[in-house]
Every structure is written in structure tokens, then in C-alpha cells.
C-alpha atoms as a PDB file:
ATOM      1  CA  MET A   1      14.958 -21.098   2.762  1.00  0.00           C
ATOM      2  CA  LYS A   2      13.021 -18.481   0.805  1.00  0.00           C
ATOM      3  CA  LEU A   3      12.375 -14.920   1.963  1.00  0.00           C
ATOM      4  CA  ILE A   4       9.427 -12.802   0.798  1.00  0.00           C
ATOM      5  CA  ALA A   5       9.181  -9.069   1.393  1.00  0.00           C
ATOM      6  CA  GLU A   6       6.057  -6.995   0.848  1.00  0.00           C
ATOM      7  CA  SER A   7       7.046  -3.351   1.109  1.00  0.00           C
ATOM      8  CA  GLY A   8       5.005  -0.173   1.075  1.00  0.00           C
ATOM      9  CA  SER A   9       5.936   3.376   1.915  1.00  0.00           C
ATOM     10  CA  THR A  10       5.251   2.866   5.625  1.00  0.00           C
ATOM     11  CA  LYS A  11       6.432  -0.656   6.431  1.00  0.00           C
ATOM     12  CA  THR A  12       7.926  -3.851   5.022  1.00  0.00           C
ATOM     13  CA  ASP A  13       6.538  -7.228   6.089  1.00  0.00           C
ATOM     14  CA  TRP A  14       8.864 -10.200   5.724  1.00  0.00           C
ATOM     15  CA  VAL A  15       8.262 -13.932   5.895  1.00  0.00           C
ATOM     16  CA  ALA A  16      10.963 -16.613   5.705  1.00  0.00           C
ATOM     17  CA  PHE A  17       9.844 -20.145   4.906  1.00  0.00           C
ATOM     18  CA  SER A  18      10.901 -23.505   3.563  1.00  0.00           C
ATOM     19  CA  ASN A  19       8.794 -25.724   1.323  1.00  0.00           C
ATOM     20  CA  ASN A  20       9.608 -28.608   3.659  1.00  0.00           C
ATOM     21  CA  SER A  21       8.685 -26.862   6.910  1.00  0.00           C
ATOM     22  CA  GLY A  22       5.407 -25.563   8.309  1.00  0.00           C
ATOM     23  CA  THR A  23       7.156 -22.991  10.476  1.00  0.00           C
ATOM     24  CA  ASP A  24       7.380 -19.486   9.025  1.00  0.00           C
ATOM     25  CA  ILE A  25       9.434 -16.627  10.455  1.00  0.00           C
ATOM     26  CA  GLN A  26       7.607 -13.297  10.210  1.00  0.00           C
ATOM     27  CA  PHE A  27       8.831  -9.823  11.119  1.00  0.00           C
ATOM     28  CA  ARG A  28       8.558  -6.185  10.076  1.00  0.00           C
ATOM     29  CA  THR A  29      10.965  -3.406   9.135  1.00  0.00           C
ATOM     30  CA  ALA A  30      10.561   0.155   7.853  1.00  0.00           C
ATOM     31  CA  GLY A  31       9.113   0.900   4.404  1.00  0.00           C
ATOM     32  CA  LEU A  32      11.634   0.654   1.540  1.00  0.00           C
ATOM     33  CA  ASN A  33      10.144   2.658  -1.324  1.00  0.00           C
ATOM     34  CA  PRO A  34      12.905   3.545  -3.840  1.00  0.00           C
ATOM     35  CA  HIS A  35      10.932   6.618  -4.932  1.00  0.00           C
ATOM     36  CA  VAL A  36      11.360   7.964  -1.396  1.00  0.00           C
ATOM     37  CA  LEU A  37      14.697   6.442  -0.313  1.00  0.00           C
ATOM     38  CA  SER A  38      18.058   6.275  -2.081  1.00  0.00           C
ATOM     39  CA  THR A  39      19.908   2.981  -2.534  1.00  0.00           C
ATOM     40  CA  SER A  40      22.226   3.852   0.335  1.00  0.00           C
ATOM     41  CA  ALA A  41      19.273   4.741   2.592  1.00  0.00           C
ATOM     42  CA  ILE A  42      17.594   1.405   1.809  1.00  0.00           C
ATOM     43  CA  THR A  43      20.864  -0.426   2.475  1.00  0.00           C
ATOM     44  CA  LYS A  44      21.182   1.327   5.845  1.00  0.00           C
ATOM     45  CA  GLN A  45      17.641   0.320   6.801  1.00  0.00           C
ATOM     46  CA  LEU A  46      18.337  -3.303   5.869  1.00  0.00           C
ATOM     47  CA  PHE A  47      21.530  -3.467   7.917  1.00  0.00           C
ATOM     48  CA  GLU A  48      19.648  -2.144  10.952  1.00  0.00           C
ATOM     49  CA  SER A  49      17.538  -5.322  11.100  1.00  0.00           C
ATOM     50  CA  ASP A  50      19.137  -8.048  13.208  1.00  0.00           C
ATOM     51  CA  GLN A  51      16.497 -10.510  11.999  1.00  0.00           C
ATOM     52  CA  LEU A  52      17.452  -9.951   8.376  1.00  0.00           C
ATOM     53  CA  LYS A  53      21.138 -10.324   9.109  1.00  0.00           C
ATOM     54  CA  SER A  54      20.468 -13.589  10.963  1.00  0.00           C
ATOM     55  CA  LEU A  55      18.923 -15.047   7.797  1.00  0.00           C
ATOM     56  CA  VAL A  56      21.756 -14.237   5.384  1.00  0.00           C
ATOM     57  CA  THR A  57      23.373 -17.683   5.374  1.00  0.00           C
ATOM     58  CA  ALA A  58      20.167 -19.711   5.161  1.00  0.00           C
ATOM     59  CA  THR A  59      18.341 -17.644   2.539  1.00  0.00           C
ATOM     60  CA  LYS A  60      18.665 -19.007  -0.992  1.00  0.00           C
ATOM     61  CA  HIS A  61      16.077 -16.856  -2.758  1.00  0.00           C
ATOM     62  CA  ILE A  62      14.488 -13.448  -2.026  1.00  0.00           C
ATOM     63  CA  TYR A  63      11.242 -12.295  -3.618  1.00  0.00           C
ATOM     64  CA  PHE A  64      10.888  -8.585  -2.944  1.00  0.00           C
ATOM     65  CA  TYR A  65       7.568  -6.916  -3.832  1.00  0.00           C
ATOM     66  CA  GLY A  66       7.621  -3.174  -3.369  1.00  0.00           C
ATOM     67  CA  ALA A  67       5.832   0.105  -3.884  1.00  0.00           C
ATOM     68  CA  GLY A  68       7.827   2.207  -6.315  1.00  0.00           C
ATOM     69  CA  CYS A  69       9.428  -0.830  -8.002  1.00  0.00           C
ATOM     70  CA  SER A  70       7.773  -0.257 -11.369  1.00  0.00           C
ATOM     71  CA  SER A  71      10.810   0.728 -13.460  1.00  0.00           C
ATOM     72  CA  LEU A  72      14.090  -1.058 -14.101  1.00  0.00           C
ATOM     73  CA  SER A  73      16.046   1.692 -12.354  1.00  0.00           C
ATOM     74  CA  MET A  74      13.920   1.498  -9.199  1.00  0.00           C
ATOM     75  CA  LYS A  75      14.138  -2.306  -9.165  1.00  0.00           C
ATOM     76  CA  LYS A  76      17.912  -2.057  -9.526  1.00  0.00           C
ATOM     77  CA  SER A  77      18.093   0.341  -6.582  1.00  0.00           C
ATOM     78  CA  VAL A  78      16.349  -2.151  -4.298  1.00  0.00           C
ATOM     79  CA  LYS A  79      18.262  -5.123  -5.696  1.00  0.00           C
ATOM     80  CA  ASP A  80      21.621  -3.377  -5.150  1.00  0.00           C
ATOM     81  CA  ALA A  81      20.645  -2.616  -1.548  1.00  0.00           C
ATOM     82  CA  LEU A  82      19.600  -6.224  -0.912  1.00  0.00           C
ATOM     83  CA  ARG A  83      22.760  -7.500  -2.589  1.00  0.00           C
ATOM     84  CA  ALA A  84      24.847  -5.546  -0.064  1.00  0.00           C
ATOM     85  CA  VAL A  85      23.286  -7.600   2.752  1.00  0.00           C
ATOM     86  CA  PHE A  86      22.738 -10.890   0.870  1.00  0.00           C
ATOM     87  CA  PRO A  87      25.785 -11.141  -1.437  1.00  0.00           C
ATOM     88  CA  THR A  88      25.222 -14.730  -2.635  1.00  0.00           C
ATOM     89  CA  THR A  89      21.417 -14.967  -2.568  1.00  0.00           C
ATOM     90  CA  LYS A  90      19.261 -15.040  -5.698  1.00  0.00           C
ATOM     91  CA  ILE A  91      17.137 -11.857  -5.686  1.00  0.00           C
ATOM     92  CA  ASP A  92      13.976 -11.053  -7.643  1.00  0.00           C
ATOM     93  CA  VAL A  93      12.394  -7.602  -7.313  1.00  0.00           C
ATOM     94  CA  HIS A  94       8.789  -7.086  -8.365  1.00  0.00           C
ATOM     95  CA  HIS A  95       6.270  -4.251  -8.347  1.00  0.00           C
ATOM     96  CA  ASP A  96       3.721  -4.271  -5.508  1.00  0.00           C
ATOM     97  CA  LEU A  97       0.959  -4.784  -8.075  1.00  0.00           C
ATOM     98  CA  ASP A  98       2.489  -8.181  -8.824  1.00  0.00           C
ATOM     99  CA  ALA A  99       2.093  -9.020  -5.129  1.00  0.00           C
ATOM    100  CA  ALA A 100      -1.538  -7.941  -5.169  1.00  0.00           C
ATOM    101  CA  VAL A 101      -2.278  -9.938  -8.322  1.00  0.00           C
ATOM    102  CA  ARG A 102      -0.513 -13.104  -7.142  1.00  0.00           C
ATOM    103  CA  SER A 103      -2.037 -13.037  -3.657  1.00  0.00           C
ATOM    104  CA  THR A 104      -5.627 -12.712  -4.961  1.00  0.00           C
ATOM    105  CA  TRP A 105      -5.156 -14.893  -8.052  1.00  0.00           C
ATOM    106  CA  THR A 106      -8.042 -17.241  -8.858  1.00  0.00           C
ATOM    107  CA  GLY A 107      -7.147 -17.956 -12.481  1.00  0.00           C
ATOM    108  CA  GLU A 108      -9.765 -15.595 -13.854  1.00  0.00           C
ATOM    109  CA  LYS A 109      -9.717 -12.090 -15.302  1.00  0.00           C
ATOM    110  CA  ALA A 110      -9.930  -9.416 -12.602  1.00  0.00           C
ATOM    111  CA  ILE A 111      -9.191  -5.832 -11.677  1.00  0.00           C
ATOM    112  CA  THR A 112      -6.718  -5.814  -8.799  1.00  0.00           C
ATOM    113  CA  SER A 113      -6.069  -2.721  -6.677  1.00  0.00           C
ATOM    114  CA  ILE A 114      -3.843  -1.615  -3.828  1.00  0.00           C
ATOM    115  CA  LEU A 115      -5.330   0.744  -1.243  1.00  0.00           C
ATOM    116  CA  GLY A 116      -2.833   1.388   1.530  1.00  0.00           C
ATOM    117  CA  THR A 117      -0.703   4.442   2.283  1.00  0.00           C
ATOM    118  CA  GLY A 118      -0.689   4.839  -1.518  1.00  0.00           C
ATOM    119  CA  SER A 119      -2.827   3.338  -4.274  1.00  0.00           C
ATOM    120  CA  ASN A 120      -2.472   1.527  -7.577  1.00  0.00           C
ATOM    121  CA  CYS A 121      -4.598  -0.561  -9.930  1.00  0.00           C
ATOM    122  CA  CYS A 122      -4.363  -2.948 -12.894  1.00  0.00           C
ATOM    123  CA  LEU A 123      -6.355  -5.296 -15.109  1.00  0.00           C
ATOM    124  CA  PHE A 124      -5.154  -8.910 -14.930  1.00  0.00           C
ATOM    125  CA  ASP A 125      -6.250 -11.380 -17.616  1.00  0.00           C
ATOM    126  CA  GLY A 126      -5.535 -14.504 -15.531  1.00  0.00           C
ATOM    127  CA  LYS A 127      -1.941 -14.777 -16.748  1.00  0.00           C
ATOM    128  CA  GLU A 128      -0.460 -11.278 -16.803  1.00  0.00           C
ATOM    129  CA  ILE A 129      -1.188  -7.599 -16.228  1.00  0.00           C
ATOM    130  CA  VAL A 130      -2.663  -6.296 -19.496  1.00  0.00           C
ATOM    131  CA  GLN A 131      -3.717  -2.764 -18.510  1.00  0.00           C
ATOM    132  CA  HIS A 132      -2.248  -0.410 -15.946  1.00  0.00           C
ATOM    133  CA  LYS A 133      -2.734   3.310 -15.520  1.00  0.00           C
ATOM    134  CA  PRO A 134       0.495   4.665 -13.980  1.00  0.00           C
ATOM    135  CA  SER A 135       0.252   5.896 -10.414  1.00  0.00           C
ATOM    136  CA  LEU A 136       1.217   9.559  -9.989  1.00  0.00           C
ATOM    137  CA  GLY A 137       2.295   8.921  -6.401  1.00  0.00           C
ATOM    138  CA  HIS A 138       1.656  10.934  -3.276  1.00  0.00           C
ATOM    139  CA  LEU A 139       2.043  14.368  -4.877  1.00  0.00           C
ATOM    140  CA  LEU A 140      -0.493  14.099  -7.702  1.00  0.00           C
ATOM    141  CA  GLY A 141      -2.288  10.779  -7.300  1.00  0.00           C
ATOM    142  CA  ASP A 142      -2.891   8.099  -4.660  1.00  0.00           C
ATOM    143  CA  GLU A 143      -6.661   8.416  -4.976  1.00  0.00           C
ATOM    144  CA  GLY A 144      -8.496   6.284  -2.410  1.00  0.00           C
ATOM    145  CA  SER A 145      -5.391   5.824  -0.255  1.00  0.00           C
ATOM    146  CA  GLY A 146      -4.499   6.749   3.312  1.00  0.00           C
ATOM    147  CA  ASN A 147      -2.410   9.600   1.939  1.00  0.00           C
ATOM    148  CA  HIS A 148      -5.372  10.863  -0.123  1.00  0.00           C
ATOM    149  CA  MET A 149      -7.969  10.624   2.647  1.00  0.00           C
ATOM    150  CA  GLY A 150      -5.583  12.022   5.242  1.00  0.00           C
ATOM    151  CA  GLY A 151      -4.702  14.911   2.926  1.00  0.00           C
ATOM    152  CA  ASN A 152      -8.360  15.709   2.313  1.00  0.00           C
ATOM    153  CA  LEU A 153      -9.012  15.719   6.058  1.00  0.00           C
ATOM    154  CA  TYR A 154      -5.958  17.865   6.737  1.00  0.00           C
ATOM    155  CA  ARG A 155      -7.046  20.373   4.090  1.00  0.00           C
ATOM    156  CA  ALA A 156     -10.583  20.515   5.463  1.00  0.00           C
ATOM    157  CA  ILE A 157      -9.216  21.157   8.957  1.00  0.00           C
ATOM    158  CA  ALA A 158      -6.813  23.853   7.759  1.00  0.00           C
ATOM    159  CA  TYR A 159      -9.467  25.633   5.653  1.00  0.00           C
ATOM    160  CA  LYS A 160     -12.091  25.197   8.423  1.00  0.00           C
ATOM    161  CA  GLU A 161     -14.352  23.359   5.965  1.00  0.00           C
ATOM    162  CA  ALA A 162     -14.930  20.520   8.440  1.00  0.00           C
ATOM    163  CA  PRO A 163     -17.676  20.863  11.078  1.00  0.00           C
ATOM    164  CA  LYS A 164     -16.613  22.478  14.340  1.00  0.00           C
ATOM    165  CA  GLU A 165     -16.950  19.259  16.321  1.00  0.00           C
ATOM    166  CA  ILE A 166     -14.562  17.481  13.935  1.00  0.00           C
ATOM    167  CA  ILE A 167     -12.046  20.338  14.039  1.00  0.00           C
ATOM    168  CA  ASP A 168     -12.162  20.507  17.848  1.00  0.00           C
ATOM    169  CA  SER A 169     -11.792  16.733  18.164  1.00  0.00           C
ATOM    170  CA  PHE A 170      -8.851  16.774  15.728  1.00  0.00           C
ATOM    171  CA  TYR A 171      -6.895  19.370  17.686  1.00  0.00           C
ATOM    172  CA  ASN A 172      -7.711  17.702  21.013  1.00  0.00           C
ATOM    173  CA  GLU A 173      -6.386  14.369  19.788  1.00  0.00           C
ATOM    174  CA  PHE A 174      -3.232  15.540  18.007  1.00  0.00           C
ATOM    175  CA  GLU A 175      -2.288  18.394  20.318  1.00  0.00           C
ATOM    176  CA  PHE A 176      -0.934  20.909  17.870  1.00  0.00           C
ATOM    177  CA  GLN A 177      -2.092  24.395  17.021  1.00  0.00           C
ATOM    178  CA  PRO A 178      -3.834  25.616  13.836  1.00  0.00           C
ATOM    179  CA  SER A 179      -0.862  27.872  13.135  1.00  0.00           C
ATOM    180  CA  GLU A 180       1.390  24.786  12.966  1.00  0.00           C
ATOM    181  CA  LEU A 181      -0.477  22.884  10.234  1.00  0.00           C
ATOM    182  CA  VAL A 182       1.506  24.074   7.220  1.00  0.00           C
ATOM    183  CA  THR A 183       4.864  24.023   9.017  1.00  0.00           C
ATOM    184  CA  LEU A 184       4.322  20.483  10.287  1.00  0.00           C
ATOM    185  CA  LEU A 185       3.343  19.142   6.878  1.00  0.00           C
ATOM    186  CA  TYR A 186       6.260  20.638   4.968  1.00  0.00           C
ATOM    187  CA  ALA A 187       8.765  19.599   7.643  1.00  0.00           C
ATOM    188  CA  GLN A 188       8.028  15.913   6.995  1.00  0.00           C
ATOM    189  CA  ASN A 189      10.569  13.701   5.227  1.00  0.00           C
ATOM    190  CA  LYS A 190       7.675  11.393   4.296  1.00  0.00           C
ATOM    191  CA  PRO A 191       4.567  13.602   4.001  1.00  0.00           C
ATOM    192  CA  ASN A 192       2.523  10.711   2.597  1.00  0.00           C
ATOM    193  CA  GLU A 193       3.063   8.710   5.793  1.00  0.00           C
ATOM    194  CA  PHE A 194       2.331  11.788   7.907  1.00  0.00           C
ATOM    195  CA  LEU A 195      -1.021  12.351   6.176  1.00  0.00           C
ATOM    196  CA  ALA A 196      -1.899   8.646   6.273  1.00  0.00           C
ATOM    197  CA  SER A 197      -1.256   8.646  10.043  1.00  0.00           C
ATOM    198  CA  PHE A 198      -4.575  10.462  10.522  1.00  0.00           C
ATOM    199  CA  LEU A 199      -6.579   7.480   9.238  1.00  0.00           C
ATOM    200  CA  PRO A 200      -7.213   6.018  12.722  1.00  0.00           C
ATOM    201  CA  PHE A 201      -8.960   9.327  13.490  1.00  0.00           C
ATOM    202  CA  VAL A 202     -10.991   8.989  10.281  1.00  0.00           C
ATOM    203  CA  LYS A 203     -11.916   5.430  11.242  1.00  0.00           C
ATOM    204  CA  THR A 204     -13.171   6.406  14.705  1.00  0.00           C
ATOM    205  CA  LYS A 205     -15.290   9.207  13.182  1.00  0.00           C
ATOM    206  CA  ARG A 206     -16.523   7.208  10.170  1.00  0.00           C
ATOM    207  CA  ASP A 207     -20.192   7.477  11.237  1.00  0.00           C
ATOM    208  CA  HIS A 208     -20.101  11.272  11.150  1.00  0.00           C
ATOM    209  CA  LEU A 209     -21.733  12.522   7.937  1.00  0.00           C
ATOM    210  CA  PHE A 210     -18.762  14.731   7.011  1.00  0.00           C
ATOM    211  CA  ILE A 211     -16.199  11.952   7.512  1.00  0.00           C
ATOM    212  CA  LYS A 212     -18.407   9.399   5.746  1.00  0.00           C
ATOM    213  CA  SER A 213     -18.587  11.765   2.754  1.00  0.00           C
ATOM    214  CA  LEU A 214     -14.797  12.218   2.826  1.00  0.00           C
ATOM    215  CA  ILE A 215     -14.275   8.438   2.672  1.00  0.00           C
ATOM    216  CA  ILE A 216     -16.856   7.940  -0.081  1.00  0.00           C
ATOM    217  CA  GLU A 217     -15.468  10.804  -2.183  1.00  0.00           C
ATOM    218  CA  SER A 218     -11.936   9.399  -1.953  1.00  0.00           C
ATOM    219  CA  PHE A 219     -13.052   5.935  -3.070  1.00  0.00           C
ATOM    220  CA  ASP A 220     -15.220   7.463  -5.805  1.00  0.00           C
ATOM    221  CA  SER A 221     -12.174   9.328  -7.079  1.00  0.00           C
ATOM    222  CA  PHE A 222     -10.208   6.071  -7.213  1.00  0.00           C
ATOM    223  CA  VAL A 223     -12.985   4.189  -9.003  1.00  0.00           C
ATOM    224  CA  ASN A 224     -13.586   6.928 -11.580  1.00  0.00           C
ATOM    225  CA  THR A 225      -9.893   7.574 -12.241  1.00  0.00           C
ATOM    226  CA  HIS A 226      -8.650   4.003 -12.319  1.00  0.00           C
ATOM    227  CA  ILE A 227     -11.141   1.131 -12.267  1.00  0.00           C
ATOM    228  CA  LYS A 228     -13.515   2.640 -14.815  1.00  0.00           C
ATOM    229  CA  SER A 229     -10.651   3.207 -17.249  1.00  0.00           C
ATOM    230  CA  PHE A 230     -10.254  -0.552 -17.795  1.00  0.00           C
ATOM    231  CA  ASP A 231     -12.034  -2.709 -20.361  1.00  0.00           C
ATOM    232  CA  ASP A 232     -14.947  -4.797 -19.054  1.00  0.00           C
ATOM    233  CA  HIS A 233     -14.750  -3.105 -15.647  1.00  0.00           C
ATOM    234  CA  GLN A 234     -18.407  -3.916 -14.914  1.00  0.00           C
ATOM    235  CA  HIS A 235     -18.050  -7.597 -15.762  1.00  0.00           C
ATOM    236  CA  VAL A 236     -15.011  -8.731 -13.750  1.00  0.00           C
ATOM    237  CA  PRO A 237     -14.423  -8.962  -9.981  1.00  0.00           C
ATOM    238  CA  CYS A 238     -12.521  -6.142  -8.286  1.00  0.00           C
ATOM    239  CA  HIS A 239      -9.951  -7.470  -5.800  1.00  0.00           C
ATOM    240  CA  PHE A 240      -8.270  -5.240  -3.210  1.00  0.00           C
ATOM    241  CA  VAL A 241      -5.146  -5.492  -1.076  1.00  0.00           C
ATOM    242  CA  GLY A 242      -4.114  -3.048   1.645  1.00  0.00           C
ATOM    243  CA  SER A 243      -4.998  -1.606   5.039  1.00  0.00           C
ATOM    244  CA  ILE A 244      -7.392   1.055   3.729  1.00  0.00           C
ATOM    245  CA  ALA A 245      -9.400  -1.455   1.702  1.00  0.00           C
ATOM    246  CA  HIS A 246      -9.501  -3.740   4.752  1.00  0.00           C
ATOM    247  CA  HIS A 247     -10.467  -1.176   7.402  1.00  0.00           C
ATOM    248  CA  PHE A 248     -12.954   0.700   5.219  1.00  0.00           C
ATOM    249  CA  GLN A 249     -14.448  -2.301   3.444  1.00  0.00           C
ATOM    250  CA  PRO A 250     -18.126  -1.319   4.047  1.00  0.00           C
ATOM    251  CA  GLU A 251     -17.627   2.106   2.468  1.00  0.00           C
ATOM    252  CA  LEU A 252     -15.608   0.589  -0.384  1.00  0.00           C
ATOM    253  CA  LYS A 253     -18.352  -1.960  -1.065  1.00  0.00           C
ATOM    254  CA  GLU A 254     -20.940   0.835  -1.080  1.00  0.00           C
ATOM    255  CA  VAL A 255     -18.978   2.773  -3.701  1.00  0.00           C
ATOM    256  CA  LEU A 256     -18.448  -0.285  -5.885  1.00  0.00           C
ATOM    257  CA  GLU A 257     -22.121  -1.230  -5.786  1.00  0.00           C
ATOM    258  CA  SER A 258     -23.223   2.329  -6.580  1.00  0.00           C
ATOM    259  CA  ASN A 259     -20.999   2.177  -9.666  1.00  0.00           C
ATOM    260  CA  GLY A 260     -22.282  -1.230 -10.775  1.00  0.00           C
ATOM    261  CA  LEU A 261     -19.001  -3.002  -9.980  1.00  0.00           C
ATOM    262  CA  ILE A 262     -18.371  -6.484  -8.560  1.00  0.00           C
ATOM    263  CA  MET A 263     -16.678  -6.747  -5.164  1.00  0.00           C
ATOM    264  CA  GLY A 264     -14.061  -9.498  -5.078  1.00  0.00           C
ATOM    265  CA  THR A 265     -11.494 -10.510  -2.462  1.00  0.00           C
ATOM    266  CA  VAL A 266     -10.232  -7.979   0.105  1.00  0.00           C
ATOM    267  CA  LEU A 267      -6.929  -8.706   1.879  1.00  0.00           C
ATOM    268  CA  GLN A 268      -5.215  -6.559   4.474  1.00  0.00           C
ATOM    269  CA  SER A 269      -1.871  -8.067   3.496  1.00  0.00           C
ATOM    270  CA  PRO A 270      -0.813 -10.144   0.480  1.00  0.00           C
ATOM    271  CA  LEU A 271       1.757 -12.156   2.445  1.00  0.00           C
ATOM    272  CA  GLU A 272      -0.213 -15.348   3.037  1.00  0.00           C
ATOM    273  CA  GLY A 273      -1.261 -15.485  -0.603  1.00  0.00           C
ATOM    274  CA  LEU A 274       2.316 -14.859  -1.722  1.00  0.00           C
ATOM    275  CA  VAL A 275       3.675 -17.680   0.430  1.00  0.00           C
ATOM    276  CA  ASN A 276       1.111 -20.049  -1.066  1.00  0.00           C
ATOM    277  CA  TYR A 277       1.985 -18.811  -4.563  1.00  0.00           C
ATOM    278  CA  HIS A 278       5.716 -19.412  -4.094  1.00  0.00           C
ATOM    279  CA  LYS A 279       5.173 -22.832  -2.509  1.00  0.00           C
ATOM    280  CA  ARG A 280       3.501 -24.098  -5.690  1.00  0.00           C
END
């Protein structure tokens, strides 16, 4: 049996499958980003999953694709944690961009992006990633992501830059006081997840001019910072993976078209594409 994990900052989706069986086992655990969690913290999270522990004996190969797994040290952190639970299993750890590229792969040159809690982007030549602008993460980057949009909303609420009806609706829905905004944010162990948690509110208010502008500006920032930095960006399809790309696809398409870019495939999750890739 093979086990694939697709991990972001918020959650990790797992699928266990066999090339000889049509029945897949799918489940979810907490996010396992090595930039946010130590090796011991990741190990603890893994051991808390009864489903994972039930698969130890049968699993021959793990393919782990994760946010934050861009460097050798971060990959080693995740691999060491997995090795503690799966001591005899072959383990490969890949960056989440590899998951995005492999799940949307058509054999042609493309720009592939992740727009979820965080964001990332690369140029893929059909065989390998040939250009990649490093992500600066949730503190300085994540343009176009849930963290970015949620942070822009939070700032507009705190500074009273949002229209009164948006501010009133925000406080009615989340039931905390204006005086608590700063304290709540800086008390979070995972502030990126906290800010991204306001995206359902953004989605329900997407037709409001202020919120529509907030969404468009966030995607514009992503396009200008990342996609336009790549060679031939106007001549190759732009593929997207992630919940933000999926849920805000109309706004994303609008931004791409206004910048003369080609909309490609949009997937909420790369898992199905990854299973097909590893069954080849």
C-alpha cells in the first residue's frame, strides 16, 4: 500500500491506496508545516491519529507533500517525524509546489500556483520546475492567500477603513470587541490560520464593493509579484491548486484576464491528481 499526504498550514489530507485495488482510504489530520511546528510537535500530531497508526504495517511507501518543505532541513524534520511512526517504510518528502505541479500536469509548460492558507508559485517546463520566486511566508508574503486576504480585512476592520455595515456585520458574527483585535491576533500560535479563518465571511460578502475590491487587490498583488516575474507568463496556462483559488475562481479569472493571462486548471485539492500520478 502507498500513502500520500498533502499538507498545508491548516490541515493534512491523506489517501492510502494500492495499485491493484480501487478502494482508497481517505482521512484528515492537522497541518504539519515544519516552518511552524518542530519535529517533536509534528511527531506528536502524527501519533495522535489512530488512522495513521492503523496503516503502519501495510504501508510500503509514503509520499509526503508539504508547505514549508522547500529546504533539506525542513524535509528532514518531516521525514524524521514520519520515521518515528513508520520505522520501516520508504519515505519521500516533497515541497507542496511539487504536488501542485504533478496534480495539474498536462505535459506542457505552465505556471502553477498554490492559493490556500498561504501561497506559492513556479514555472514548470513540462519536466521540472525551472523558475521559482521564494515565498516569504505569512509574515512578509502569502499574497493572494487566505492569510493575506484575512489580514487585509482584519486591518481594515481595526483601522475602521471598511464601511460601517461591514464592520458591524464582522463584530456581530465573531462576537468580540474592537479593543480585543490586537490582543487576539498576537495571542495566536498560528496567526496565519487565524487570519485565514475569516475567509468564509469574505466569501459571504463577496458581492459588496469593498469586499470585492479586497479580493481583487489580493489577487492582483499575487499576479504582479509572482506570475508576472516568470518568462513567457502571457503565453502559458496558469494552473491553480488550493481552497482560495477554488472558492474565489470568478474573481481570480477576472484578475487573470485583466492582466492578459491564460486561465488553466483550478483544483481545490491536488490529491486525486497525485494518486493518478503515483499509479502510473
